[in-house]
Amino acid sequence: MSFRTQPCTDRSLPPRLLALVFAPFAAGFFLSYVFRNVNAVIARDLAAEFSLSPAEIGLLTSMYLLSFTAMQVPVGVFLDRYGPRRVVASLLGIAGLGALGFALAGTFGELALGRALIGLGVSACLMGSIKAFTLWFPPARLATLNGWMIAFGGVGGLAATAPLEALLAPLGWRAVFVGMAAGCVLAAAAIFFIVPEKPLPGAGEGWGVAFARVGRIFGTPSFWRIGLPLMVCHGAYQAMQGLWLAPWLTDVGGLARAAMAAHLFATALAYSIGALFYGWLADFLADRGVSRLGLYKLGAAISVAAFVVIAFDLAPAKMPLLMVYGFFSISAALAYALLTRHFPPEMTGRVNTAANVAMFFVSFLCQFGIGVVLRMFAVVDGRYSPDGYMLAFGLIAAAQCAVLAWLLPMKESEA
C-alpha cells in the first residue's frame, strides 16, 4: 500500500503521521500485552479446570515467552528486509489463530499450542513499532515514541487485571479469548491497510549476510553491558506481572481475588505512567545536555531496590511498593534507544530483537523456574509456600543486583 506521506525530518511529531504509523501499531501492541498478562488472572481457573500443578501453570504461561523468544532473531531479519507493515500484520493473523485455539482447547497440550502460537504471532509488535519509528520519525524523538508505545502496552496490561476479572463472571475465559482473536484480525487489517510503505535502509542484503550480522551484535560488549538490565530486570518484571505476582499477593499477602486484581491494576497503571514519563523525560533532558544513560541507571537502581523488598517481603503495604516497582521497571526500555546508537540504521530491527531474545528468555526462565521452586515446598490449603516465593524471588534479585553492579560504573563515552 502506498501513501503520499513523507517521513518527519525535524524534531516534531505530526498528528497525521502519528495516526498513520503510531496508532495502528499501538493497537497490536495493546493486544500483545493483554495476552502476555491474561494468565495471571485466569491461572486458578485453568488450574481447576485442567488439574494443573504450579509447574504446569508456569510452563503453560511461559510458552508465550518461549515462542516469542524463538522468533526474535528471524523477526529482526524480516523487519529489516521486508518492513514492519507486512511482517507485523502477517504475524498478528497467527496470533488470532492461537487465541481461537486456546479458547477451544480441551487438553493441556492444546492450551500450550494455542499459547505458543499467540507468542509467535505477537513477537514483532513492539520491535516492528520501533522499526517503523526509525523509518518515519527523527532519532531525537525515539525514546518518546518508544515510551508512548510501551504505555499503550501498559494499558493492555491494565485491561488484563481488574477489567478482565469483571468480564470472566458473565462471559468466561473462553469467550474472552474468542473476542481477543477477533481483535487480532482487526489490528492486522489496520496495520496492513493504513500504515504507509517506505524504502528500507540496506534493502537487498542477502540472507547469509543478514543473519551473520546478528552475530556481530551479540559479540559487541556494549550490547551486553547496556542490555543486561533490560534483559534481567524487565524480563523479571514481565514474569511477575504476567503470572507470579497474583498468587504471591494471595498466598503471601493474604489478599482476596478482587483485591489481588486491584493490586495488579495499580502496578500496571504505574508501569504505563512510567513509560510515558521516562521516554519523554529522556528526550527532554537529552535536548538540554543531560545523559540518557544516567536516567537509565537511576531507574534500574530503584527498580532493583523495589524488587529486593518484594522478594524478602519487607513491606507490609503491598500496593505502594508494587506501584514503585512498576513505575521504575519501565526505565529499562531506555536501553532500546541507547543500543541503536551503536549500530547502523539498517540493523535497528535486529539490534532490538537481539535484546528481546535474551529478555524474553529470562522471562521464560523466571516464569517456569519460579513454578519449579514452589513445587519443592508443600502446598497448604491451596496456597504455595512463602518460603518458596522468597527463595525463587531472592535468586532473581541476586541476578538483578549483579547486572546493575556492572552497569553503574559505565561512562557516557562508552554508551
Protein backbone atom coordinates (compact mmCIF):
# COMPACT_ATOMS: atom_id res chain seq x y z
CA MET A 1 0.00 0.00 0.00
CA SER A 2 1.29 3.48 -0.79
CA PHE A 3 0.52 6.90 0.70
CA ARG A 4 1.87 10.31 -0.21
CA THR A 5 3.46 10.60 3.18
CA GLN A 6 6.92 11.92 3.95
CA PRO A 7 8.98 10.99 6.99
CA CYS A 8 9.43 13.64 9.65
CA THR A 9 12.92 15.16 9.40
CA ASP A 10 12.75 17.76 12.19
CA ARG A 11 12.01 17.18 15.89
CA SER A 12 8.23 17.43 15.59
CA LEU A 13 5.68 14.61 15.76
CA PRO A 14 2.99 15.46 13.15
CA PRO A 15 -0.51 14.26 14.18
CA ARG A 16 -1.22 12.81 10.71
CA LEU A 17 1.93 10.70 10.81
CA LEU A 18 1.11 9.56 14.35
CA ALA A 19 -2.34 8.49 13.13
CA LEU A 20 -0.98 6.59 10.13
CA VAL A 21 2.06 4.97 11.75
CA PHE A 22 1.80 5.06 15.54
CA ALA A 23 -1.89 4.28 16.12
CA PRO A 24 -2.18 1.01 14.11
CA PHE A 25 0.93 -0.47 15.72
CA ALA A 26 -0.31 0.67 19.14
CA ALA A 27 -3.47 -1.41 18.66
CA GLY A 28 -1.39 -4.53 18.03
CA PHE A 29 0.93 -3.90 20.96
CA PHE A 30 -2.05 -3.31 23.26
CA LEU A 31 -3.31 -6.80 22.43
CA SER A 32 0.12 -8.35 22.88
CA TYR A 33 0.20 -7.09 26.46
CA VAL A 34 -3.28 -8.38 27.21
CA PHE A 35 -2.14 -11.80 26.00
CA ARG A 36 1.09 -11.58 27.98
CA ASN A 37 -0.62 -10.90 31.31
CA VAL A 38 -4.01 -12.61 30.96
CA ASN A 39 -2.89 -15.85 32.62
CA ALA A 40 -2.21 -14.02 35.87
CA VAL A 41 -5.98 -13.59 36.29
CA ILE A 42 -7.20 -16.88 34.82
CA ALA A 43 -4.42 -19.12 36.22
CA ARG A 44 -6.56 -20.56 39.01
CA ASP A 45 -9.45 -21.15 36.60
CA LEU A 46 -7.14 -23.07 34.28
CA ALA A 47 -5.60 -24.98 37.19
CA ALA A 48 -9.05 -26.02 38.42
CA GLU A 49 -10.48 -26.95 35.01
CA PHE A 50 -7.42 -28.85 33.75
CA SER A 51 -5.98 -30.04 37.11
CA LEU A 52 -2.66 -28.24 36.57
CA SER A 53 0.26 -28.08 39.04
CA PRO A 54 2.16 -24.80 39.66
CA ALA A 55 4.99 -26.01 37.43
CA GLU A 56 2.48 -26.76 34.64
CA ILE A 57 0.88 -23.33 35.05
CA GLY A 58 4.33 -21.75 34.84
CA LEU A 59 5.22 -23.81 31.77
CA LEU A 60 1.90 -23.04 30.07
CA THR A 61 2.20 -19.31 30.66
CA SER A 62 5.83 -19.26 29.60
CA MET A 63 5.03 -20.93 26.26
CA TYR A 64 4.16 -17.43 25.09
CA LEU A 65 7.62 -16.25 26.10
CA LEU A 66 9.38 -19.30 24.65
CA SER A 67 7.85 -18.98 21.17
CA PHE A 68 8.18 -15.20 21.33
CA THR A 69 11.88 -15.53 22.13
CA ALA A 70 12.50 -18.12 19.43
CA MET A 71 11.09 -15.71 16.84
CA GLN A 72 13.14 -12.66 17.78
CA VAL A 73 16.20 -13.19 15.57
CA PRO A 74 14.13 -14.16 12.49
CA VAL A 75 11.76 -11.25 13.20
CA GLY A 76 14.69 -8.83 13.29
CA VAL A 77 15.87 -10.03 9.89
CA PHE A 78 12.33 -9.95 8.47
CA LEU A 79 11.75 -6.41 9.75
CA ASP A 80 14.99 -5.13 8.21
CA ARG A 81 14.30 -7.00 4.94
CA TYR A 82 10.52 -6.69 4.43
CA GLY A 83 9.50 -3.80 6.66
CA PRO A 84 7.25 -3.60 9.73
CA ARG A 85 3.89 -3.24 7.96
CA ARG A 86 3.90 -6.62 6.24
CA VAL A 87 5.69 -8.54 8.99
CA VAL A 88 3.58 -7.37 11.94
CA ALA A 89 0.26 -7.69 10.10
CA SER A 90 1.06 -11.24 8.96
CA LEU A 91 2.13 -12.41 12.39
CA LEU A 92 -0.91 -10.91 14.12
CA GLY A 93 -3.05 -13.18 11.96
CA ILE A 94 -1.22 -16.14 13.51
CA ALA A 95 -1.85 -14.70 16.99
CA GLY A 96 -5.56 -14.64 16.18
CA LEU A 97 -5.46 -18.34 15.26
CA GLY A 98 -3.61 -19.10 18.51
CA ALA A 99 -6.19 -17.21 20.58
CA LEU A 100 -9.03 -19.09 18.91
CA GLY A 101 -7.25 -22.40 19.50
CA PHE A 102 -6.71 -21.52 23.17
CA ALA A 103 -10.41 -20.70 23.53
CA LEU A 104 -11.40 -24.09 22.09
CA ALA A 105 -8.73 -26.16 23.90
CA GLY A 106 -9.74 -29.36 25.68
CA THR A 107 -6.32 -30.54 26.90
CA PHE A 108 -3.14 -29.09 28.37
CA GLY A 109 -1.34 -29.74 25.07
CA GLU A 110 -3.92 -27.75 23.12
CA LEU A 111 -3.68 -24.89 25.61
CA ALA A 112 0.12 -24.90 25.27
CA LEU A 113 -0.05 -24.92 21.46
CA GLY A 114 -2.51 -22.03 21.42
CA ARG A 115 -0.38 -20.06 23.88
CA ALA A 116 2.76 -20.72 21.79
CA LEU A 117 1.04 -19.52 18.59
CA ILE A 118 -0.06 -16.36 20.39
CA GLY A 119 3.52 -15.66 21.47
CA LEU A 120 4.77 -16.27 17.93
CA GLY A 121 2.07 -14.03 16.48
CA VAL A 122 2.75 -11.01 18.69
CA SER A 123 6.53 -11.40 18.58
CA ALA A 124 7.02 -8.42 16.25
CA CYS A 125 4.55 -5.97 17.79
CA LEU A 126 6.97 -3.82 19.78
CA MET A 127 10.05 -4.33 17.62
CA GLY A 128 8.02 -3.67 14.47
CA SER A 129 6.78 -0.44 16.02
CA ILE A 130 10.31 0.67 16.89
CA LYS A 131 11.48 -0.20 13.37
CA ALA A 132 8.65 1.91 11.93
CA PHE A 133 9.62 4.81 14.19
CA THR A 134 13.22 4.71 12.93
CA LEU A 135 11.88 4.92 9.36
CA TRP A 136 9.37 7.74 9.84
CA PHE A 137 10.42 9.86 12.82
CA PRO A 138 13.58 11.76 13.90
CA PRO A 139 16.08 9.86 16.10
CA ALA A 140 15.81 12.57 18.76
CA ARG A 141 12.20 11.51 19.42
CA LEU A 142 12.66 7.73 19.51
CA ALA A 143 12.70 7.48 23.31
CA THR A 144 9.46 9.48 23.49
CA LEU A 145 7.74 7.31 20.88
CA ASN A 146 9.05 4.10 22.42
CA GLY A 147 7.71 5.27 25.78
CA TRP A 148 4.29 6.08 24.33
CA MET A 149 4.14 2.68 22.67
CA ILE A 150 5.10 0.85 25.84
CA ALA A 151 2.48 2.92 27.68
CA PHE A 152 -0.13 1.56 25.27
CA GLY A 153 1.13 -1.90 26.12
CA GLY A 154 0.80 -0.99 29.77
CA VAL A 155 -2.85 -0.09 29.14
CA GLY A 156 -3.21 -3.59 27.74
CA GLY A 157 -1.65 -4.83 30.96
CA LEU A 158 -4.27 -2.80 32.85
CA ALA A 159 -7.03 -4.37 30.79
CA ALA A 160 -5.73 -7.81 31.80
CA THR A 161 -6.29 -7.12 35.51
CA ALA A 162 -9.50 -5.86 37.15
CA PRO A 163 -11.37 -5.19 33.86
CA LEU A 164 -10.68 -8.73 32.68
CA GLU A 165 -11.67 -10.10 36.08
CA ALA A 166 -15.01 -8.29 35.69
CA LEU A 167 -15.62 -9.98 32.32
CA LEU A 168 -14.86 -13.50 33.48
CA ALA A 169 -18.00 -13.99 35.56
CA PRO A 170 -20.55 -13.15 32.82
CA LEU A 171 -18.53 -14.41 29.81
CA GLY A 172 -15.96 -16.96 30.95
CA TRP A 173 -12.33 -17.10 29.86
CA ARG A 174 -13.08 -18.94 26.60
CA ALA A 175 -15.39 -16.21 25.27
CA VAL A 176 -12.80 -13.59 26.23
CA PHE A 177 -10.21 -15.35 24.07
CA VAL A 178 -12.61 -15.51 21.11
CA GLY A 179 -13.01 -11.74 21.39
CA MET A 180 -9.24 -11.29 21.53
CA ALA A 181 -8.86 -13.41 18.39
CA ALA A 182 -11.20 -11.04 16.58
CA GLY A 183 -9.17 -8.10 17.89
CA CYS A 184 -6.02 -9.57 16.34
CA VAL A 185 -7.68 -9.71 12.92
CA LEU A 186 -8.82 -6.09 13.18
CA ALA A 187 -5.38 -4.88 14.31
CA ALA A 188 -3.66 -6.79 11.50
CA ALA A 189 -6.01 -5.22 8.93
CA ALA A 190 -5.37 -1.72 10.33
CA ILE A 191 -1.59 -2.15 10.10
CA PHE A 192 -1.65 -3.65 6.61
CA PHE A 193 -4.09 -1.19 5.04
CA ILE A 194 -3.29 2.06 6.89
CA VAL A 195 0.46 2.13 7.60
CA PRO A 196 2.38 3.58 4.61
CA GLU A 197 5.34 1.87 2.97
CA LYS A 198 8.84 3.35 2.91
CA PRO A 199 12.10 2.20 1.25
CA LEU A 200 14.21 0.29 3.74
CA PRO A 201 17.88 1.10 4.52
CA GLY A 202 20.10 -1.74 3.38
CA ALA A 203 17.44 -3.22 1.08
CA GLY A 204 18.72 -6.16 -0.94
CA GLU A 205 21.00 -7.52 1.76
CA GLY A 206 21.48 -11.28 1.32
CA TRP A 207 20.07 -13.78 3.81
CA GLY A 208 23.51 -15.04 4.79
CA VAL A 209 24.82 -11.54 5.47
CA ALA A 210 21.63 -10.57 7.30
CA PHE A 211 21.90 -13.43 9.79
CA ALA A 212 25.70 -13.16 10.07
CA ARG A 213 25.37 -9.56 11.23
CA VAL A 214 23.27 -10.77 14.16
CA GLY A 215 26.42 -12.47 15.44
CA ARG A 216 28.20 -9.12 15.35
CA ILE A 217 25.52 -7.70 17.65
CA PHE A 218 25.94 -10.46 20.23
CA GLY A 219 29.73 -10.05 20.02
CA THR A 220 29.64 -6.35 20.97
CA PRO A 221 30.47 -5.84 24.69
CA SER A 222 28.42 -2.64 24.99
CA PHE A 223 25.36 -4.56 23.81
CA TRP A 224 25.54 -6.71 26.93
CA ARG A 225 26.52 -4.02 29.38
CA ILE A 226 23.67 -1.75 28.31
CA GLY A 227 21.24 -4.55 27.54
CA LEU A 228 21.55 -6.82 30.56
CA PRO A 229 19.49 -4.61 32.93
CA LEU A 230 16.73 -4.63 30.29
CA MET A 231 17.02 -8.38 29.90
CA VAL A 232 17.22 -9.36 33.57
CA CYS A 233 15.26 -6.62 35.36
CA HIS A 234 12.48 -6.02 32.84
CA GLY A 235 12.39 -9.70 31.94
CA ALA A 236 11.69 -10.50 35.59
CA TYR A 237 9.01 -7.80 35.77
CA GLN A 238 7.22 -9.42 32.84
CA ALA A 239 7.32 -12.80 34.54
CA MET A 240 6.00 -11.31 37.76
CA GLN A 241 3.22 -9.16 36.33
CA GLY A 242 2.35 -11.82 33.77
CA LEU A 243 1.88 -14.62 36.30
CA TRP A 244 3.50 -14.79 39.73
CA LEU A 245 2.54 -11.50 41.38
CA ALA A 246 -1.09 -12.64 41.52
CA PRO A 247 -0.55 -15.85 43.54
CA TRP A 248 2.14 -14.12 45.64
CA LEU A 249 -0.39 -11.47 46.64
CA THR A 250 -2.93 -14.11 47.66
CA ASP A 251 -0.57 -16.66 49.21
CA VAL A 252 1.86 -14.29 50.96
CA GLY A 253 -0.16 -11.08 51.14
CA GLY A 254 -3.40 -12.82 52.08
CA LEU A 255 -5.48 -10.82 49.59
CA ALA A 256 -8.84 -11.91 48.21
CA ARG A 257 -9.21 -12.25 44.44
CA ALA A 258 -10.75 -8.80 43.88
CA ALA A 259 -8.08 -7.08 45.99
CA MET A 260 -5.37 -9.02 44.17
CA ALA A 261 -6.72 -7.82 40.80
CA ALA A 262 -6.79 -4.24 42.11
CA HIS A 263 -3.12 -4.50 43.11
CA LEU A 264 -2.20 -5.83 39.66
CA PHE A 265 -4.18 -2.97 38.10
CA ALA A 266 -2.28 -0.41 40.20
CA THR A 267 1.06 -1.97 39.24
CA ALA A 268 0.20 -1.91 35.54
CA LEU A 269 -1.08 1.67 35.83
CA ALA A 270 2.19 2.80 37.42
CA TYR A 271 4.08 0.96 34.66
CA SER A 272 2.10 2.81 31.96
CA ILE A 273 2.65 6.18 33.62
CA GLY A 274 6.34 5.38 33.94
CA ALA A 275 6.53 4.56 30.23
CA LEU A 276 5.09 7.97 29.32
CA PHE A 277 7.32 9.72 31.82
CA TYR A 278 10.65 8.07 31.06
CA GLY A 279 10.53 8.31 27.27
CA TRP A 280 9.54 11.98 27.31
CA LEU A 281 11.95 12.90 30.11
CA ALA A 282 14.89 11.16 28.43
CA ASP A 283 14.43 13.15 25.21
CA PHE A 284 13.64 16.38 27.09
CA LEU A 285 16.80 16.14 29.19
CA ALA A 286 18.94 14.97 26.25
CA ASP A 287 17.97 18.15 24.36
CA ARG A 288 19.46 20.03 27.32
CA GLY A 289 22.66 18.01 27.51
CA VAL A 290 21.65 15.53 30.22
CA SER A 291 22.65 11.92 29.66
CA ARG A 292 20.05 9.26 28.86
CA LEU A 293 22.46 6.76 30.39
CA GLY A 294 22.27 8.48 33.78
CA LEU A 295 18.47 8.30 33.79
CA TYR A 296 18.69 4.63 32.76
CA LYS A 297 20.99 3.86 35.70
CA LEU A 298 18.77 5.68 38.18
CA GLY A 299 15.62 3.88 37.13
CA ALA A 300 17.35 0.50 37.14
CA ALA A 301 18.71 1.05 40.64
CA ILE A 302 15.31 1.97 42.08
CA SER A 303 13.52 -0.93 40.36
CA VAL A 304 16.10 -3.42 41.68
CA ALA A 305 15.77 -2.00 45.19
CA ALA A 306 11.97 -2.33 45.00
CA PHE A 307 12.24 -5.93 43.83
CA VAL A 308 14.56 -6.81 46.71
CA VAL A 309 11.89 -5.53 49.12
CA ILE A 310 9.28 -7.64 47.31
CA ALA A 311 11.49 -10.74 47.29
CA PHE A 312 12.03 -10.72 51.04
CA ASP A 313 8.55 -9.41 51.91
CA LEU A 314 9.91 -6.40 53.77
CA ALA A 315 6.95 -4.04 53.28
CA PRO A 316 3.50 -4.72 54.79
CA ALA A 317 1.80 -2.25 52.40
CA LYS A 318 1.97 -4.04 49.07
CA MET A 319 0.24 -1.60 46.70
CA PRO A 320 2.61 1.39 47.09
CA LEU A 321 5.61 -0.93 46.77
CA LEU A 322 4.27 -2.56 43.62
CA MET A 323 3.49 0.84 42.09
CA VAL A 324 7.07 1.97 42.68
CA TYR A 325 8.29 -1.30 41.18
CA GLY A 326 6.06 -0.94 38.11
CA PHE A 327 6.89 2.75 37.59
CA PHE A 328 10.66 2.30 37.65
CA SER A 329 10.81 -1.11 35.92
CA ILE A 330 9.93 0.54 32.62
CA SER A 331 13.09 2.65 32.77
CA ALA A 332 14.81 -0.44 31.35
CA ALA A 333 13.19 0.33 27.98
CA LEU A 334 15.61 3.25 27.56
CA ALA A 335 18.09 0.54 26.55
CA TYR A 336 16.45 0.35 23.11
CA ALA A 337 17.31 3.98 22.32
CA LEU A 338 20.80 3.58 23.80
CA LEU A 339 21.58 0.38 21.89
CA THR A 340 20.59 1.66 18.43
CA ARG A 341 23.35 4.28 18.59
CA HIS A 342 25.98 1.53 18.38
CA PHE A 343 24.82 0.07 15.07
CA PRO A 344 23.94 1.30 11.54
CA PRO A 345 20.30 2.17 10.62
CA GLU A 346 19.78 -0.95 8.51
CA MET A 347 20.34 -3.09 11.62
CA THR A 348 17.87 -1.44 14.02
CA GLY A 349 15.37 -4.29 13.74
CA ARG A 350 17.99 -6.89 14.54
CA VAL A 351 19.59 -4.90 17.37
CA ASN A 352 16.34 -4.53 19.28
CA THR A 353 15.13 -8.06 18.64
CA ALA A 354 18.53 -9.39 19.76
CA ALA A 355 17.97 -7.67 23.10
CA ASN A 356 14.48 -9.12 23.20
CA VAL A 357 15.78 -12.65 22.65
CA ALA A 358 17.65 -12.50 25.92
CA MET A 359 14.95 -10.55 27.77
CA PHE A 360 12.15 -12.97 26.93
CA PHE A 361 14.38 -15.95 27.57
CA VAL A 362 14.94 -14.56 31.07
CA SER A 363 11.18 -14.10 31.42
CA PHE A 364 10.67 -17.71 30.38
CA LEU A 365 13.24 -18.92 32.90
CA CYS A 366 11.63 -16.84 35.65
CA GLN A 367 8.06 -17.93 34.95
CA PHE A 368 8.95 -21.59 34.66
CA GLY A 369 11.68 -21.53 37.32
CA ILE A 370 9.50 -19.94 39.99
CA GLY A 371 6.97 -22.71 39.48
CA VAL A 372 9.71 -25.34 39.79
CA VAL A 373 10.97 -23.82 43.05
CA LEU A 374 7.46 -23.56 44.50
CA ARG A 375 6.88 -27.22 43.73
CA MET A 376 9.78 -28.07 46.07
CA PHE A 377 7.70 -26.81 49.03
CA ALA A 378 4.48 -28.17 50.47
CA VAL A 379 1.18 -26.64 49.36
CA VAL A 380 -1.00 -25.84 52.41
CA ASP A 381 -4.73 -25.14 52.00
CA GLY A 382 -4.23 -24.49 48.29
CA ARG A 383 -1.52 -21.88 48.90
CA TYR A 384 2.10 -22.03 47.80
CA SER A 385 4.78 -21.68 50.48
CA PRO A 386 6.02 -18.16 51.43
CA ASP A 387 9.49 -19.69 51.83
CA GLY A 388 9.29 -20.95 48.25
CA TYR A 389 8.45 -17.49 46.97
CA MET A 390 11.29 -15.98 48.98
CA LEU A 391 13.83 -18.43 47.59
CA ALA A 392 12.69 -18.05 43.98
CA PHE A 393 12.38 -14.26 44.11
CA GLY A 394 15.67 -13.98 46.04
CA LEU A 395 17.59 -15.76 43.29
CA ILE A 396 16.16 -13.33 40.73
CA ALA A 397 17.02 -10.36 42.96
CA ALA A 398 20.63 -11.54 43.19
CA ALA A 399 20.89 -11.67 39.39
CA GLN A 400 19.46 -8.15 39.13
CA CYS A 401 21.98 -6.79 41.64
CA ALA A 402 24.83 -8.35 39.62
CA VAL A 403 23.86 -6.75 36.29
CA LEU A 404 23.24 -3.41 37.99
CA ALA A 405 26.71 -3.52 39.54
CA TRP A 406 28.20 -3.90 36.02
CA LEU A 407 26.12 -1.07 34.55
CA LEU A 408 26.64 1.63 37.19
CA PRO A 409 30.37 2.35 36.54
CA MET A 410 29.77 2.73 32.77
CA LYS A 411 30.79 6.14 31.39
CA GLU A 412 28.80 8.22 28.94
CA SER A 413 31.58 7.92 26.35
CA GLU A 414 31.11 4.14 26.38
CA ALA A 415 27.33 4.38 25.79
